[in-house]
Amino acid sequence: VQLQAFGGGLVQAGGSLRLSCVASGRTFNTYNMGWFRQAPGKEREFVAAISRPGGITLYADSVKGRFTISRDNAKNTVYLQMNSLKPEDTAVYYCAADGASWITRRNDAYDYWGQGTLVTVSS
């Protein structure tokens, strides 16, 4: 499966952005989907994940209550709604697909990755 993420940009602290990730192919609903991010000089970290039918979600503690992951299997798309953005949310955001049975925070479990979209939050 090929993934393309978009929706990043420059936003002021306290603002909102919605990222989208579109998947190619007919098997999107067989993958758990995740969002990760990588800030300059830091390792890639888990942000959120959603199960194949969408009923189970996981969040990093740093984004819980501010970010919401969702998916539309009919559109082969996973979303990340980001509210109350902070400068420390500045990073390149990646979507990823995992064919395993259970959703996970582990980035090494994900099989496919999108190209990333840059989110910059100014103070």
C-alpha atoms as a PDB file:
ATOM      1  CA  VAL A   1       0.000   0.000   0.000  1.00  0.00           C
ATOM      2  CA  GLN A   2       1.225   3.528  -0.751  1.00  0.00           C
ATOM      3  CA  LEU A   3       0.506   6.365   1.636  1.00  0.00           C
ATOM      4  CA  GLN A   4       0.444  10.096   0.997  1.00  0.00           C
ATOM      5  CA  ALA A   5       0.138  12.526   3.869  1.00  0.00           C
ATOM      6  CA  PHE A   6      -0.796  16.166   3.508  1.00  0.00           C
ATOM      7  CA  GLY A   7      -2.309  19.041   5.427  1.00  0.00           C
ATOM      8  CA  GLY A   8       0.732  20.342   7.273  1.00  0.00           C
ATOM      9  CA  GLY A   9       1.621  23.987   7.472  1.00  0.00           C
ATOM     10  CA  LEU A  10       2.430  26.924   9.707  1.00  0.00           C
ATOM     11  CA  VAL A  11       0.039  27.701  12.551  1.00  0.00           C
ATOM     12  CA  GLN A  12       0.175  29.812  15.677  1.00  0.00           C
ATOM     13  CA  ALA A  13       0.178  28.251  19.107  1.00  0.00           C
ATOM     14  CA  GLY A  14      -3.355  27.414  20.168  1.00  0.00           C
ATOM     15  CA  GLY A  15      -4.451  26.870  16.602  1.00  0.00           C
ATOM     16  CA  SER A  16      -5.637  23.758  14.775  1.00  0.00           C
ATOM     17  CA  LEU A  17      -4.704  21.686  11.760  1.00  0.00           C
ATOM     18  CA  ARG A  18      -6.088  18.542  10.234  1.00  0.00           C
ATOM     19  CA  LEU A  19      -3.735  16.101   8.593  1.00  0.00           C
ATOM     20  CA  SER A  20      -4.939  13.584   6.050  1.00  0.00           C
ATOM     21  CA  CYS A  21      -3.310  10.426   4.771  1.00  0.00           C
ATOM     22  CA  VAL A  22      -4.650   8.770   1.645  1.00  0.00           C
ATOM     23  CA  ALA A  23      -3.827   5.150   0.903  1.00  0.00           C
ATOM     24  CA  SER A  24      -3.733   3.498  -2.468  1.00  0.00           C
ATOM     25  CA  GLY A  25      -5.116   0.043  -3.089  1.00  0.00           C
ATOM     26  CA  ARG A  26      -8.212  -1.828  -2.056  1.00  0.00           C
ATOM     27  CA  THR A  27      -6.963  -3.226   1.232  1.00  0.00           C
ATOM     28  CA  PHE A  28      -6.933  -0.079   3.370  1.00  0.00           C
ATOM     29  CA  ASN A  29      -9.490  -1.523   5.788  1.00  0.00           C
ATOM     30  CA  THR A  30      -7.158  -4.443   6.573  1.00  0.00           C
ATOM     31  CA  TYR A  31      -4.553  -2.142   8.120  1.00  0.00           C
ATOM     32  CA  ASN A  32      -4.312  -0.496  11.472  1.00  0.00           C
ATOM     33  CA  MET A  33      -3.137   3.053  10.898  1.00  0.00           C
ATOM     34  CA  GLY A  34      -0.789   5.234  12.885  1.00  0.00           C
ATOM     35  CA  TRP A  35       0.603   8.747  12.998  1.00  0.00           C
ATOM     36  CA  PHE A  36       4.156   9.413  14.102  1.00  0.00           C
ATOM     37  CA  ARG A  37       6.260  12.551  14.200  1.00  0.00           C
ATOM     38  CA  GLN A  38       9.892  13.490  14.150  1.00  0.00           C
ATOM     39  CA  ALA A  39      11.170  16.810  15.419  1.00  0.00           C
ATOM     40  CA  PRO A  40      14.582  18.158  14.369  1.00  0.00           C
ATOM     41  CA  GLY A  41      17.342  16.310  16.182  1.00  0.00           C
ATOM     42  CA  LYS A  42      14.957  13.857  17.793  1.00  0.00           C
ATOM     43  CA  GLU A  43      13.868  10.309  17.126  1.00  0.00           C
ATOM     44  CA  ARG A  44      10.583   9.482  15.508  1.00  0.00           C
ATOM     45  CA  GLU A  45       7.853   9.129  18.115  1.00  0.00           C
ATOM     46  CA  PHE A  46       4.381   7.688  18.262  1.00  0.00           C
ATOM     47  CA  VAL A  47       1.438  10.092  18.147  1.00  0.00           C
ATOM     48  CA  ALA A  48      -1.760   8.089  17.619  1.00  0.00           C
ATOM     49  CA  ALA A  49      -3.108   4.865  16.162  1.00  0.00           C
ATOM     50  CA  ILE A  50      -6.490   3.525  15.113  1.00  0.00           C
ATOM     51  CA  SER A  51      -7.694  -0.012  14.533  1.00  0.00           C
ATOM     52  CA  ARG A  52      -8.908  -1.331  11.207  1.00  0.00           C
ATOM     53  CA  PRO A  53     -12.613  -0.792  11.779  1.00  0.00           C
ATOM     54  CA  GLY A  54     -11.839   2.356  13.760  1.00  0.00           C
ATOM     55  CA  GLY A  55     -13.228   1.322  17.098  1.00  0.00           C
ATOM     56  CA  ILE A  56      -9.969   1.371  19.070  1.00  0.00           C
ATOM     57  CA  THR A  57      -7.587   4.295  19.344  1.00  0.00           C
ATOM     58  CA  LEU A  58      -4.298   4.930  21.132  1.00  0.00           C
ATOM     59  CA  TYR A  59      -2.652   8.258  21.885  1.00  0.00           C
ATOM     60  CA  ALA A  60       0.656   9.452  23.188  1.00  0.00           C
ATOM     61  CA  ASP A  61       0.267  11.145  26.553  1.00  0.00           C
ATOM     62  CA  SER A  62       1.638  14.372  25.086  1.00  0.00           C
ATOM     63  CA  VAL A  63      -1.279  14.716  22.654  1.00  0.00           C
ATOM     64  CA  LYS A  64      -4.129  13.069  24.553  1.00  0.00           C
ATOM     65  CA  GLY A  65      -7.125  15.374  24.758  1.00  0.00           C
ATOM     66  CA  ARG A  66      -5.807  17.637  21.987  1.00  0.00           C
ATOM     67  CA  PHE A  67      -5.445  15.325  18.977  1.00  0.00           C
ATOM     68  CA  THR A  68      -8.045  12.993  17.485  1.00  0.00           C
ATOM     69  CA  ILE A  69      -7.345  10.197  15.028  1.00  0.00           C
ATOM     70  CA  SER A  70     -10.125   8.943  12.772  1.00  0.00           C
ATOM     71  CA  ARG A  71     -10.526   7.070   9.527  1.00  0.00           C
ATOM     72  CA  ASP A  72     -12.906   6.785   6.614  1.00  0.00           C
ATOM     73  CA  ASN A  73     -12.456   3.376   5.048  1.00  0.00           C
ATOM     74  CA  ALA A  74     -14.697   4.281   2.125  1.00  0.00           C
ATOM     75  CA  LYS A  75     -12.232   7.052   1.234  1.00  0.00           C
ATOM     76  CA  ASN A  76      -9.059   5.118   2.129  1.00  0.00           C
ATOM     77  CA  THR A  77      -8.142   8.006   4.399  1.00  0.00           C
ATOM     78  CA  VAL A  78      -6.948   8.443   7.967  1.00  0.00           C
ATOM     79  CA  TYR A  79      -7.077  11.830   9.661  1.00  0.00           C
ATOM     80  CA  LEU A  80      -5.340  13.521  12.549  1.00  0.00           C
ATOM     81  CA  GLN A  81      -7.223  16.492  13.951  1.00  0.00           C
ATOM     82  CA  MET A  82      -4.812  18.579  15.981  1.00  0.00           C
ATOM     83  CA  ASN A  83      -6.185  21.230  18.324  1.00  0.00           C
ATOM     84  CA  SER A  84      -4.560  23.490  20.898  1.00  0.00           C
ATOM     85  CA  LEU A  85      -1.254  23.155  19.111  1.00  0.00           C
ATOM     86  CA  LYS A  86       1.935  23.934  20.960  1.00  0.00           C
ATOM     87  CA  PRO A  87       5.400  24.860  19.660  1.00  0.00           C
ATOM     88  CA  GLU A  88       6.633  21.465  20.857  1.00  0.00           C
ATOM     89  CA  ASP A  89       4.257  19.825  18.353  1.00  0.00           C
ATOM     90  CA  THR A  90       6.488  21.134  15.558  1.00  0.00           C
ATOM     91  CA  ALA A  91       7.683  18.131  13.563  1.00  0.00           C
ATOM     92  CA  VAL A  92       7.365  16.190  10.358  1.00  0.00           C
ATOM     93  CA  TYR A  93       4.291  14.012  10.718  1.00  0.00           C
ATOM     94  CA  TYR A  94       4.161  10.579   9.098  1.00  0.00           C
ATOM     95  CA  CYS A  95       1.306   8.193   8.589  1.00  0.00           C
ATOM     96  CA  ALA A  96       1.927   4.459   8.620  1.00  0.00           C
ATOM     97  CA  ALA A  97       0.066   1.216   8.032  1.00  0.00           C
ATOM     98  CA  ASP A  98       0.354  -1.949  10.094  1.00  0.00           C
ATOM     99  CA  GLY A  99      -1.099  -5.272   8.983  1.00  0.00           C
ATOM    100  CA  ALA A 100      -0.941  -6.923  12.406  1.00  0.00           C
ATOM    101  CA  SER A 101      -3.960  -7.923  14.445  1.00  0.00           C
ATOM    102  CA  TRP A 102      -3.529  -5.357  17.220  1.00  0.00           C
ATOM    103  CA  ILE A 103      -2.730  -1.648  17.089  1.00  0.00           C
ATOM    104  CA  THR A 104       0.591  -0.670  18.554  1.00  0.00           C
ATOM    105  CA  ARG A 105       2.754   2.306  19.466  1.00  0.00           C
ATOM    106  CA  ARG A 106       5.892   0.617  18.158  1.00  0.00           C
ATOM    107  CA  ASN A 107       7.146   2.247  14.970  1.00  0.00           C
ATOM    108  CA  ASP A 108       9.074  -0.875  13.978  1.00  0.00           C
ATOM    109  CA  ALA A 109       5.779  -2.763  13.718  1.00  0.00           C
ATOM    110  CA  TYR A 110       4.480  -0.619  10.867  1.00  0.00           C
ATOM    111  CA  ASP A 111       4.936  -1.971   7.372  1.00  0.00           C
ATOM    112  CA  TYR A 112       4.301   1.046   5.165  1.00  0.00           C
ATOM    113  CA  TRP A 113       5.094   4.733   5.605  1.00  0.00           C
ATOM    114  CA  GLY A 114       4.041   7.928   3.913  1.00  0.00           C
ATOM    115  CA  GLN A 115       6.450  10.699   2.956  1.00  0.00           C
ATOM    116  CA  GLY A 116       5.668  13.040   5.842  1.00  0.00           C
ATOM    117  CA  THR A 117       4.147  16.482   6.100  1.00  0.00           C
ATOM    118  CA  LEU A 118       5.696  19.347   8.051  1.00  0.00           C
ATOM    119  CA  VAL A 119       3.801  21.004  10.883  1.00  0.00           C
ATOM    120  CA  THR A 120       5.291  24.188  12.325  1.00  0.00           C
ATOM    121  CA  VAL A 121       3.742  25.812  15.373  1.00  0.00           C
ATOM    122  CA  SER A 122       4.898  29.322  16.160  1.00  0.00           C
ATOM    123  CA  SER A 123       4.825  30.771  19.643  1.00  0.00           C
END
